[in-house]
């Protein structure tokens, strides 16, 4: 028994020594799964190195610069009032015709462009031009008072703002229309002429119409006593339609017609101007004027 007790004591003492030499647990979980701070777990887990500068295969090539040159224009779109004879209007066959439209057609031909005729509401002409729906305004377009609003060709025709009355009326001068109704197209040069003659404007009742055809209709029916209108339009209307109208001798304003382009569009303006000068020099403009007016009333080159 004594020997057995001694042997058991020796075994217990040896086990205590082994336990005391084992390493201590410093945290929860398997410490071998935690990589050292800042070190990748393995070479395969490391981020790939950035490509060297100049390695075209590693970086996509930049797109080739697009051709910034705008395609050459192939059309010439003219904005006009389709109720403004003889400059631009609808004939009995439903076609757009007129002196200005004939000039525009010849210009387009010389510039090797396809002519597109675009009728517009006259009071929306600036919106049509600014939006790019039309390239120019060409239809008995008065330059005076609008010199800084557009790029203009040189004037090609003179005009006056006159008062038209019925043939059986007895109004010898503008002042005799005191208290009477006078029709004129809204946003037209006639409006500018009326605004410049405040005494006359305050003495009458202005009646604004969408077109001059409506204004003349009102005059014929007696709805108004007079029409303030471009002289060229008035005389053509009287001669062609045989209306019993007459023109007062005294005009409210003298003015000139030109072709108006959007501000900054000097390139197209210059091309059209050159074509008009060539047409005046070779007699084409004279021929077109004689077709519509019986004589040459154009002013370019004179």
Protein backbone atom coordinates (compact mmCIF):
# COMPACT_ATOMS: atom_id res chain seq x y z
CA UNK A 1 0.00 0.00 0.00
CA UNK A 2 2.78 2.39 0.87
CA UNK A 3 4.42 1.77 -2.52
CA UNK A 4 1.13 2.34 -4.34
CA UNK A 5 0.62 5.67 -2.56
CA UNK A 6 4.13 6.83 -3.50
CA UNK A 7 3.58 5.89 -7.18
CA UNK A 8 0.27 7.74 -7.30
CA UNK A 9 1.88 10.88 -5.83
CA UNK A 10 4.61 10.79 -8.49
CA UNK A 11 1.99 10.58 -11.33
CA UNK A 12 -0.02 13.52 -9.97
CA UNK A 13 3.08 15.67 -9.60
CA UNK A 14 4.15 15.02 -13.23
CA UNK A 15 0.66 15.96 -14.59
CA UNK A 16 0.74 19.26 -12.74
CA UNK A 17 4.08 20.15 -14.27
CA UNK A 18 2.75 19.40 -17.84
CA UNK A 19 -0.32 21.58 -17.35
CA UNK A 20 1.72 24.52 -16.13
CA UNK A 21 3.90 24.51 -19.28
CA UNK A 22 0.95 24.74 -21.82
CA UNK A 23 0.49 28.17 -23.63
CA UNK A 24 -2.43 30.37 -22.45
CA UNK A 25 -5.53 31.11 -24.71
CA UNK A 26 -5.35 34.88 -25.56
CA UNK A 27 -8.73 35.31 -27.31
CA UNK A 28 -11.91 33.66 -28.46
CA UNK A 29 -11.94 31.54 -31.59
CA UNK A 30 -9.09 30.04 -33.55
CA UNK A 31 -6.21 32.54 -33.42
CA UNK A 32 -4.54 30.94 -36.41
CA UNK A 33 -7.40 32.25 -38.67
CA UNK A 34 -6.61 35.94 -37.87
CA UNK A 35 -3.95 37.44 -40.20
CA UNK A 36 -1.48 39.89 -38.80
CA UNK A 37 -2.67 43.49 -39.05
CA UNK A 38 -1.96 45.05 -42.46
CA UNK A 39 -0.74 41.84 -44.10
CA UNK A 40 -2.70 40.08 -46.85
CA UNK A 41 -3.94 36.60 -46.05
CA UNK A 42 -2.15 35.20 -49.10
CA UNK A 43 -0.52 36.44 -52.31
CA UNK A 44 -3.71 35.47 -54.19
CA UNK A 45 -5.80 37.80 -52.02
CA UNK A 46 -3.63 40.89 -52.62
CA UNK A 47 -4.97 43.65 -54.91
CA UNK A 48 -3.52 43.53 -58.44
CA UNK A 49 -0.86 46.08 -59.19
CA UNK A 50 -1.89 49.10 -61.27
CA UNK A 51 -0.78 48.92 -64.89
CA UNK A 52 2.36 50.78 -65.75
CA UNK A 53 1.97 54.15 -67.42
CA UNK A 54 1.90 53.81 -71.20
CA UNK A 55 0.57 50.25 -71.24
CA UNK A 56 -2.07 50.69 -73.98
CA UNK A 57 -3.37 47.14 -73.46
CA UNK A 58 -4.23 47.87 -69.85
CA UNK A 59 -6.22 51.09 -70.37
CA UNK A 60 -8.95 51.76 -72.96
CA UNK A 61 -7.96 54.07 -75.77
CA UNK A 62 -9.64 57.47 -75.73
CA UNK A 63 -12.33 57.92 -78.35
CA UNK A 64 -11.24 59.53 -81.59
CA UNK A 65 -12.42 63.18 -81.79
CA UNK A 66 -15.63 63.60 -83.71
CA UNK A 67 -15.69 65.73 -86.81
CA UNK A 68 -16.82 69.10 -85.48
CA UNK A 69 -17.56 70.56 -88.89
CA UNK A 70 -21.31 71.01 -89.44
CA UNK A 71 -22.71 69.45 -92.61
CA UNK A 72 -23.24 71.86 -95.45
CA UNK A 73 -26.81 73.15 -95.76
CA UNK A 74 -28.83 71.74 -98.64
CA UNK A 75 -32.04 73.72 -98.17
CA UNK A 76 -33.05 77.36 -97.99
CA UNK A 77 -36.22 77.85 -95.93
CA UNK A 78 -37.95 81.19 -96.43
CA UNK A 79 -40.57 82.40 -93.96
CA UNK A 80 -43.32 84.53 -95.50
CA UNK A 81 -46.84 85.83 -94.96
CA UNK A 82 -49.07 83.96 -97.39
CA UNK A 83 -51.64 86.76 -97.34
CA UNK A 84 -49.40 89.60 -98.54
CA UNK A 85 -49.77 90.02 -102.32
CA UNK A 86 -47.83 90.67 -104.47
CA UNK A 87 -44.83 89.79 -102.27
CA UNK A 88 -46.08 86.35 -101.19
CA UNK A 89 -49.54 84.81 -101.32
CA UNK A 90 -51.68 81.84 -102.41
CA UNK A 91 -52.93 81.97 -106.00
CA UNK A 92 -56.17 80.54 -107.36
CA UNK A 93 -54.48 77.17 -107.89
CA UNK A 94 -53.40 76.97 -104.26
CA UNK A 95 -49.72 77.63 -105.07
CA UNK A 96 -47.41 79.98 -103.20
CA UNK A 97 -46.45 82.80 -105.55
CA UNK A 98 -45.20 86.38 -105.39
CA UNK A 99 -42.45 88.80 -106.24
CA UNK A 100 -40.35 88.02 -103.17
CA UNK A 101 -40.85 84.28 -103.63
CA UNK A 102 -39.61 84.56 -107.24
CA UNK A 103 -36.53 86.39 -106.00
CA UNK A 104 -35.97 83.72 -103.35
CA UNK A 105 -36.33 80.92 -105.89
CA UNK A 106 -33.68 82.48 -108.13
CA UNK A 107 -31.32 82.99 -105.17
CA UNK A 108 -31.73 79.37 -104.07
CA UNK A 109 -30.99 78.19 -107.62
CA UNK A 110 -27.79 80.23 -107.76
CA UNK A 111 -26.69 78.94 -104.35
CA UNK A 112 -27.48 75.34 -105.37
CA UNK A 113 -29.97 75.00 -102.51
CA UNK A 114 -33.45 73.50 -102.41
CA UNK A 115 -36.01 76.24 -101.76
CA UNK A 116 -38.58 75.56 -99.05
CA UNK A 117 -41.41 78.06 -98.66
CA UNK A 118 -42.72 78.23 -95.10
CA UNK A 119 -45.84 80.33 -94.47
CA UNK A 120 -45.79 81.86 -90.99
CA UNK A 121 -48.02 83.92 -88.73
CA UNK A 122 -46.51 87.37 -89.02
CA UNK A 123 -46.64 88.04 -85.29
CA UNK A 124 -44.70 84.78 -84.70
CA UNK A 125 -41.92 85.50 -87.20
CA UNK A 126 -39.22 86.04 -84.57
CA UNK A 127 -40.04 82.77 -82.84
CA UNK A 128 -39.88 80.93 -86.19
CA UNK A 129 -36.50 82.47 -86.96
CA UNK A 130 -34.96 81.96 -83.51
CA UNK A 131 -36.07 78.33 -83.36
CA UNK A 132 -34.45 77.53 -86.71
CA UNK A 133 -37.73 76.67 -88.43
CA UNK A 134 -36.86 79.20 -91.12
CA UNK A 135 -33.57 80.60 -92.44
CA UNK A 136 -34.83 84.10 -93.13
CA UNK A 137 -37.87 86.37 -93.26
CA UNK A 138 -38.52 87.47 -96.83
CA UNK A 139 -41.88 89.02 -97.60
CA UNK A 140 -42.06 92.78 -97.87
CA UNK A 141 -40.07 92.93 -94.63
CA UNK A 142 -39.48 96.51 -93.54
CA UNK A 143 -35.98 97.23 -92.25
CA UNK A 144 -36.65 100.64 -90.72
CA UNK A 145 -36.85 100.54 -86.94
CA UNK A 146 -35.57 96.95 -86.93
CA UNK A 147 -32.01 97.60 -88.06
CA UNK A 148 -30.42 96.05 -84.96
CA UNK A 149 -32.81 93.13 -84.60
CA UNK A 150 -31.66 91.07 -87.61
CA UNK A 151 -28.83 90.55 -90.05
CA UNK A 152 -30.05 92.41 -93.13
CA UNK A 153 -29.29 92.36 -96.81
CA UNK A 154 -29.04 95.72 -98.50
CA UNK A 155 -32.52 97.17 -99.20
CA UNK A 156 -33.90 96.04 -102.54
CA UNK A 157 -37.11 98.10 -102.71
CA UNK A 158 -38.57 101.36 -101.40
CA UNK A 159 -42.04 101.53 -99.86
CA UNK A 160 -44.43 103.84 -98.00
CA UNK A 161 -47.09 103.33 -95.36
CA UNK A 162 -50.27 104.76 -96.86
CA UNK A 163 -53.94 105.05 -96.00
CA UNK A 164 -56.46 103.33 -98.28
CA UNK A 165 -60.13 104.31 -98.27
CA UNK A 166 -63.20 103.33 -100.29
CA UNK A 167 -63.61 105.12 -103.58
CA UNK A 168 -66.87 106.75 -102.50
CA UNK A 169 -65.36 108.07 -99.25
CA UNK A 170 -64.51 111.73 -98.74
CA UNK A 171 -61.44 111.70 -96.51
CA UNK A 172 -58.80 113.87 -98.19
CA UNK A 173 -56.08 113.48 -95.54
CA UNK A 174 -55.26 111.37 -92.48
CA UNK A 175 -56.55 114.07 -90.13
CA UNK A 176 -60.04 113.81 -91.61
CA UNK A 177 -60.37 110.26 -90.19
CA UNK A 178 -60.87 111.60 -86.66
CA UNK A 179 -63.02 109.19 -84.66
CA UNK A 180 -63.01 106.57 -87.45
CA UNK A 181 -61.81 102.94 -87.47
CA UNK A 182 -58.57 102.12 -89.30
CA UNK A 183 -57.48 98.52 -89.90
CA UNK A 184 -53.85 97.35 -89.99
CA UNK A 185 -52.00 94.06 -89.63
CA UNK A 186 -50.73 93.31 -86.15
CA UNK A 187 -46.96 93.36 -85.58
CA UNK A 188 -46.47 94.99 -89.00
CA UNK A 189 -44.51 98.07 -90.00
CA UNK A 190 -47.86 99.86 -90.20
CA UNK A 191 -48.10 99.46 -86.42
CA UNK A 192 -44.67 101.08 -86.07
CA UNK A 193 -45.73 103.92 -88.37
CA UNK A 194 -48.88 104.45 -86.32
CA UNK A 195 -46.92 104.43 -83.05
CA UNK A 196 -44.62 107.09 -84.50
CA UNK A 197 -47.65 109.31 -85.21
CA UNK A 198 -49.22 109.45 -81.76
CA UNK A 199 -51.52 112.36 -82.57
CA UNK A 200 -53.09 110.43 -85.44
CA UNK A 201 -53.17 107.21 -83.38
CA UNK A 202 -55.01 108.93 -80.52
CA UNK A 203 -57.52 110.41 -82.95
CA UNK A 204 -58.65 107.12 -84.53
CA UNK A 205 -59.68 103.60 -83.47
CA UNK A 206 -57.03 101.09 -84.62
CA UNK A 207 -58.38 97.66 -85.60
CA UNK A 208 -55.71 94.93 -85.71
CA UNK A 209 -56.15 92.03 -88.14
CA UNK A 210 -54.18 88.82 -88.74
CA UNK A 211 -53.68 89.54 -92.45
CA UNK A 212 -54.13 92.45 -94.83
CA UNK A 213 -56.62 90.42 -96.83
CA UNK A 214 -58.88 90.59 -93.77
CA UNK A 215 -58.20 94.30 -93.41
CA UNK A 216 -59.27 94.98 -97.01
CA UNK A 217 -62.34 92.78 -96.53
CA UNK A 218 -63.30 94.90 -93.53
CA UNK A 219 -62.84 98.03 -95.62
CA UNK A 220 -64.98 96.67 -98.44
CA UNK A 221 -67.83 95.70 -96.10
CA UNK A 222 -67.72 99.00 -94.23
CA UNK A 223 -66.53 97.51 -90.94
CA UNK A 224 -63.69 100.06 -91.00
CA UNK A 225 -63.25 103.38 -92.78
CA UNK A 226 -59.62 102.94 -93.83
CA UNK A 227 -56.64 100.60 -93.98
CA UNK A 228 -53.06 101.56 -93.11
CA UNK A 229 -50.88 99.39 -95.34
CA UNK A 230 -47.75 99.10 -97.50
CA UNK A 231 -48.27 101.13 -100.67
CA UNK A 232 -46.91 98.36 -102.89
CA UNK A 233 -49.46 95.92 -101.47
CA UNK A 234 -52.31 98.44 -101.67
CA UNK A 235 -51.78 99.38 -105.31
CA UNK A 236 -51.33 95.76 -106.41
CA UNK A 237 -54.53 94.81 -104.60
CA UNK A 238 -56.44 97.63 -106.27
CA UNK A 239 -55.09 96.94 -109.77
CA UNK A 240 -55.42 93.15 -109.76
CA UNK A 241 -58.74 92.83 -107.95
CA UNK A 242 -60.37 95.96 -109.38
CA UNK A 243 -61.54 97.15 -105.98
CA UNK A 244 -63.08 100.59 -105.72
CA UNK A 245 -60.41 101.89 -103.35
CA UNK A 246 -58.13 104.91 -103.42
CA UNK A 247 -54.87 105.89 -101.73
CA UNK A 248 -54.40 109.13 -99.83
CA UNK A 249 -51.55 111.26 -101.17
CA UNK A 250 -50.08 111.85 -97.72
CA UNK A 251 -48.14 108.86 -96.37
CA UNK A 252 -47.45 108.12 -92.71
CA UNK A 253 -43.93 106.76 -93.28
CA UNK A 254 -41.31 105.96 -95.89
CA UNK A 255 -39.36 102.72 -95.59
CA UNK A 256 -37.31 100.03 -97.32
CA UNK A 257 -37.59 96.28 -97.76
CA UNK A 258 -34.77 93.85 -97.00
CA UNK A 259 -34.23 90.16 -96.24
CA UNK A 260 -33.83 89.52 -92.49
CA UNK A 261 -31.70 86.74 -90.97
CA UNK A 262 -31.11 85.69 -87.37
CA UNK A 263 -28.50 87.76 -85.56
CA UNK A 264 -25.07 86.24 -86.13
CA UNK A 265 -25.98 84.45 -89.36
CA UNK A 266 -23.82 86.66 -91.53
CA UNK A 267 -22.55 83.77 -93.63
CA UNK A 268 -25.91 83.02 -95.24
CA UNK A 269 -26.80 86.71 -95.37
CA UNK A 270 -23.64 87.44 -97.36
CA UNK A 271 -24.33 84.63 -99.83
CA UNK A 272 -27.86 85.87 -100.45
CA UNK A 273 -26.64 89.46 -100.78
CA UNK A 274 -24.07 88.41 -103.41
CA UNK A 275 -26.73 86.52 -105.37
CA UNK A 276 -29.04 89.55 -105.32
CA UNK A 277 -26.26 91.81 -106.57
CA UNK A 278 -25.54 89.39 -109.40
CA UNK A 279 -29.23 89.27 -110.28
CA UNK A 280 -29.37 93.07 -110.41
CA UNK A 281 -26.25 93.20 -112.58
CA UNK A 282 -27.41 90.65 -115.15
CA UNK A 283 -30.99 91.96 -115.42
CA UNK A 284 -32.76 89.05 -113.71
CA UNK A 285 -34.12 91.23 -110.90
CA UNK A 286 -35.45 93.75 -113.42
CA UNK A 287 -37.24 90.98 -115.32
CA UNK A 288 -38.91 89.66 -112.15
CA UNK A 289 -39.98 93.18 -111.13
CA UNK A 290 -41.51 93.85 -114.55
CA UNK A 291 -43.45 90.58 -114.29
CA UNK A 292 -45.16 91.72 -111.09
CA UNK A 293 -45.25 95.53 -111.31
CA UNK A 294 -44.96 96.31 -115.01
CA UNK A 295 -41.70 98.16 -114.40
CA UNK A 296 -38.45 97.87 -112.48
CA UNK A 297 -38.97 99.30 -109.00
CA UNK A 298 -35.99 97.56 -107.35
CA UNK A 299 -33.13 99.58 -105.84
CA UNK A 300 -30.07 97.30 -105.66
CA UNK A 301 -27.27 98.62 -107.83
CA UNK A 302 -29.05 101.92 -108.45
